[in-house]
Amino acid sequence: MSAPSARIVIIKAQPIELCQLLKFSGLAATGGEAKHLISEGQVLLNGIVETQKRKKVMGGDKVTFGGETIIAQVD
């Protein structure tokens, strides 16, 4: 079974905090939900579990949660 393709999410400036990116991209409904998901170890940043809510995400970074992957791209 092949992995689903990643979705590009355009950000205006980098870095962006991981919790903000989850909310902005729609992977989390609220900022609070995003912080909870991250602290519970449910979010991968570039394939590695990330538990820092304010971890800085740069253009080209891949974020995975719930079987969906997004790639941050700077506009």
N, C-alpha and C. Protein backbone atom coordinates (compact mmCIF):
# COMPACT_ATOMS: atom_id res chain seq x y z
N MET A 1 0.84 -1.18 0.00
CA MET A 1 0.00 0.00 0.00
C MET A 1 0.89 1.24 0.00
N SER A 2 0.67 2.17 -0.90
CA SER A 2 1.50 3.36 -0.98
C SER A 2 0.94 4.45 -0.06
N ALA A 3 1.84 5.30 0.40
CA ALA A 3 1.45 6.40 1.29
C ALA A 3 0.73 7.46 0.47
N PRO A 4 -0.25 8.13 1.08
CA PRO A 4 -0.94 9.19 0.36
C PRO A 4 0.02 10.36 0.08
N SER A 5 -0.24 11.10 -0.97
CA SER A 5 0.64 12.21 -1.30
C SER A 5 0.45 13.35 -0.30
N ALA A 6 1.49 14.12 -0.16
CA ALA A 6 1.48 15.24 0.78
C ALA A 6 0.77 16.44 0.15
N ARG A 7 0.17 17.24 1.00
CA ARG A 7 -0.52 18.45 0.57
C ARG A 7 0.38 19.64 0.91
N ILE A 8 0.51 20.57 -0.03
CA ILE A 8 1.31 21.77 0.18
C ILE A 8 0.47 22.79 0.94
N VAL A 9 1.06 23.39 1.98
CA VAL A 9 0.41 24.47 2.72
C VAL A 9 1.31 25.69 2.60
N ILE A 10 0.75 26.76 2.04
CA ILE A 10 1.52 27.99 1.83
C ILE A 10 1.54 28.81 3.12
N ILE A 11 2.75 29.17 3.56
CA ILE A 11 2.90 30.06 4.71
C ILE A 11 3.51 31.36 4.21
N LYS A 12 3.14 32.46 4.86
CA LYS A 12 3.60 33.78 4.42
C LYS A 12 5.01 34.09 4.90
N ALA A 13 5.38 33.56 6.05
CA ALA A 13 6.70 33.83 6.60
C ALA A 13 7.18 32.60 7.36
N GLN A 14 8.47 32.47 7.46
CA GLN A 14 9.03 31.39 8.25
C GLN A 14 9.97 31.96 9.28
N PRO A 15 10.18 31.31 10.40
CA PRO A 15 9.53 30.07 10.77
C PRO A 15 8.11 30.30 11.28
N ILE A 16 7.34 29.22 11.32
CA ILE A 16 6.01 29.22 11.91
C ILE A 16 6.02 28.16 13.01
N GLU A 17 5.33 28.42 14.10
CA GLU A 17 5.28 27.43 15.18
C GLU A 17 4.44 26.23 14.74
N LEU A 18 4.86 25.06 15.17
CA LEU A 18 4.19 23.82 14.79
C LEU A 18 2.71 23.86 15.14
N CYS A 19 2.36 24.34 16.34
CA CYS A 19 0.95 24.37 16.74
C CYS A 19 0.14 25.31 15.83
N GLN A 20 0.74 26.42 15.42
CA GLN A 20 0.06 27.35 14.52
C GLN A 20 -0.16 26.72 13.14
N LEU A 21 0.83 25.99 12.67
CA LEU A 21 0.72 25.35 11.36
C LEU A 21 -0.37 24.28 11.35
N LEU A 22 -0.47 23.52 12.44
CA LEU A 22 -1.52 22.50 12.51
C LEU A 22 -2.90 23.14 12.42
N LYS A 23 -3.09 24.24 13.13
CA LYS A 23 -4.38 24.93 13.12
C LYS A 23 -4.62 25.55 11.74
N PHE A 24 -3.64 26.27 11.22
CA PHE A 24 -3.76 26.96 9.93
C PHE A 24 -4.06 25.99 8.79
N SER A 25 -3.46 24.82 8.84
CA SER A 25 -3.62 23.84 7.76
C SER A 25 -4.91 23.04 7.86
N GLY A 26 -5.57 23.13 9.02
CA GLY A 26 -6.80 22.37 9.21
C GLY A 26 -6.59 20.97 9.77
N LEU A 27 -5.35 20.61 10.09
CA LEU A 27 -5.12 19.30 10.70
C LEU A 27 -5.67 19.28 12.13
N ALA A 28 -5.75 20.45 12.75
CA ALA A 28 -6.36 20.58 14.08
C ALA A 28 -7.42 21.67 13.99
N ALA A 29 -8.52 21.48 14.71
CA ALA A 29 -9.63 22.44 14.64
C ALA A 29 -9.31 23.73 15.39
N THR A 30 -8.55 23.63 16.48
CA THR A 30 -8.23 24.81 17.29
C THR A 30 -6.76 24.77 17.69
N GLY A 31 -6.29 25.89 18.18
CA GLY A 31 -4.92 25.93 18.69
C GLY A 31 -4.74 25.02 19.89
N GLY A 32 -5.76 24.97 20.75
CA GLY A 32 -5.70 24.11 21.92
C GLY A 32 -5.62 22.64 21.53
N GLU A 33 -6.40 22.26 20.53
CA GLU A 33 -6.35 20.87 20.05
C GLU A 33 -4.97 20.57 19.48
N ALA A 34 -4.42 21.51 18.71
CA ALA A 34 -3.09 21.32 18.13
C ALA A 34 -2.05 21.09 19.22
N LYS A 35 -2.08 21.91 20.27
CA LYS A 35 -1.11 21.78 21.37
C LYS A 35 -1.27 20.43 22.06
N HIS A 36 -2.50 19.99 22.24
CA HIS A 36 -2.75 18.69 22.88
C HIS A 36 -2.19 17.55 22.03
N LEU A 37 -2.47 17.58 20.74
CA LEU A 37 -2.00 16.53 19.83
C LEU A 37 -0.47 16.44 19.85
N ILE A 38 0.17 17.60 19.84
CA ILE A 38 1.64 17.64 19.85
C ILE A 38 2.18 17.08 21.16
N SER A 39 1.63 17.56 22.29
CA SER A 39 2.14 17.11 23.59
C SER A 39 1.91 15.62 23.82
N GLU A 40 0.89 15.05 23.17
CA GLU A 40 0.61 13.62 23.28
C GLU A 40 1.47 12.78 22.35
N GLY A 41 2.34 13.41 21.56
CA GLY A 41 3.25 12.68 20.67
C GLY A 41 2.58 12.13 19.43
N GLN A 42 1.48 12.76 18.99
CA GLN A 42 0.75 12.28 17.83
C GLN A 42 1.15 12.95 16.52
N VAL A 43 2.10 13.88 16.58
CA VAL A 43 2.50 14.65 15.40
C VAL A 43 3.96 14.34 15.05
N LEU A 44 4.19 14.12 13.75
CA LEU A 44 5.56 13.90 13.28
C LEU A 44 6.03 15.13 12.52
N LEU A 45 7.27 15.52 12.77
CA LEU A 45 7.91 16.59 12.01
C LEU A 45 9.09 15.96 11.29
N ASN A 46 9.02 15.95 9.97
CA ASN A 46 10.06 15.32 9.15
C ASN A 46 10.29 13.87 9.55
N GLY A 47 9.19 13.17 9.88
CA GLY A 47 9.26 11.75 10.18
C GLY A 47 9.61 11.39 11.61
N ILE A 48 9.80 12.38 12.47
CA ILE A 48 10.18 12.14 13.87
C ILE A 48 9.12 12.73 14.78
N VAL A 49 8.75 11.97 15.83
CA VAL A 49 7.75 12.47 16.78
C VAL A 49 8.25 13.77 17.40
N GLU A 50 7.40 14.79 17.38
CA GLU A 50 7.75 16.11 17.93
C GLU A 50 6.77 16.45 19.05
N THR A 51 7.29 16.78 20.22
CA THR A 51 6.43 17.11 21.36
C THR A 51 6.56 18.57 21.79
N GLN A 52 7.37 19.35 21.09
CA GLN A 52 7.50 20.79 21.40
C GLN A 52 6.44 21.56 20.62
N LYS A 53 5.48 22.13 21.34
CA LYS A 53 4.37 22.85 20.71
C LYS A 53 4.84 24.03 19.88
N ARG A 54 5.85 24.70 20.33
CA ARG A 54 6.34 25.91 19.66
C ARG A 54 7.56 25.65 18.77
N LYS A 55 7.77 24.39 18.43
CA LYS A 55 8.87 24.02 17.53
C LYS A 55 8.74 24.82 16.23
N LYS A 56 9.82 25.38 15.77
CA LYS A 56 9.81 26.19 14.56
C LYS A 56 9.83 25.31 13.32
N VAL A 57 8.89 25.57 12.43
CA VAL A 57 8.77 24.84 11.17
C VAL A 57 9.19 25.77 10.04
N MET A 58 10.02 25.26 9.16
CA MET A 58 10.53 26.05 8.04
C MET A 58 9.95 25.52 6.73
N GLY A 59 10.06 26.31 5.68
CA GLY A 59 9.64 25.87 4.36
C GLY A 59 10.33 24.57 3.99
N GLY A 60 9.57 23.63 3.47
CA GLY A 60 10.10 22.33 3.09
C GLY A 60 9.93 21.26 4.15
N ASP A 61 9.62 21.66 5.39
CA ASP A 61 9.40 20.68 6.45
C ASP A 61 8.09 19.94 6.21
N LYS A 62 8.08 18.66 6.61
CA LYS A 62 6.89 17.82 6.47
C LYS A 62 6.30 17.56 7.84
N VAL A 63 4.99 17.76 7.96
CA VAL A 63 4.27 17.52 9.21
C VAL A 63 3.21 16.46 8.93
N THR A 64 3.18 15.43 9.77
CA THR A 64 2.23 14.34 9.59
C THR A 64 1.40 14.16 10.85
N PHE A 65 0.08 14.03 10.66
CA PHE A 65 -0.84 13.71 11.74
C PHE A 65 -2.05 13.01 11.15
N GLY A 66 -2.52 11.97 11.82
CA GLY A 66 -3.74 11.29 11.41
C GLY A 66 -3.71 10.75 10.00
N GLY A 67 -2.55 10.32 9.54
CA GLY A 67 -2.44 9.75 8.21
C GLY A 67 -2.35 10.77 7.09
N GLU A 68 -2.31 12.05 7.45
CA GLU A 68 -2.20 13.11 6.44
C GLU A 68 -0.87 13.83 6.62
N THR A 69 -0.21 14.11 5.51
CA THR A 69 1.06 14.83 5.54
C THR A 69 0.91 16.15 4.79
N ILE A 70 1.46 17.19 5.41
CA ILE A 70 1.51 18.50 4.76
C ILE A 70 2.96 18.93 4.66
N ILE A 71 3.24 19.74 3.66
CA ILE A 71 4.57 20.31 3.48
C ILE A 71 4.44 21.81 3.50
N ALA A 72 5.17 22.46 4.40
CA ALA A 72 5.16 23.92 4.48
C ALA A 72 5.94 24.49 3.31
N GLN A 73 5.34 25.47 2.65
CA GLN A 73 6.01 26.13 1.52
C GLN A 73 5.83 27.63 1.70
N VAL A 74 6.93 28.37 1.60
CA VAL A 74 6.89 29.82 1.79
C VAL A 74 6.44 30.49 0.50
N ASP A 75 5.49 31.42 0.64
CA ASP A 75 4.96 32.17 -0.50
C ASP A 75 5.86 33.35 -0.78
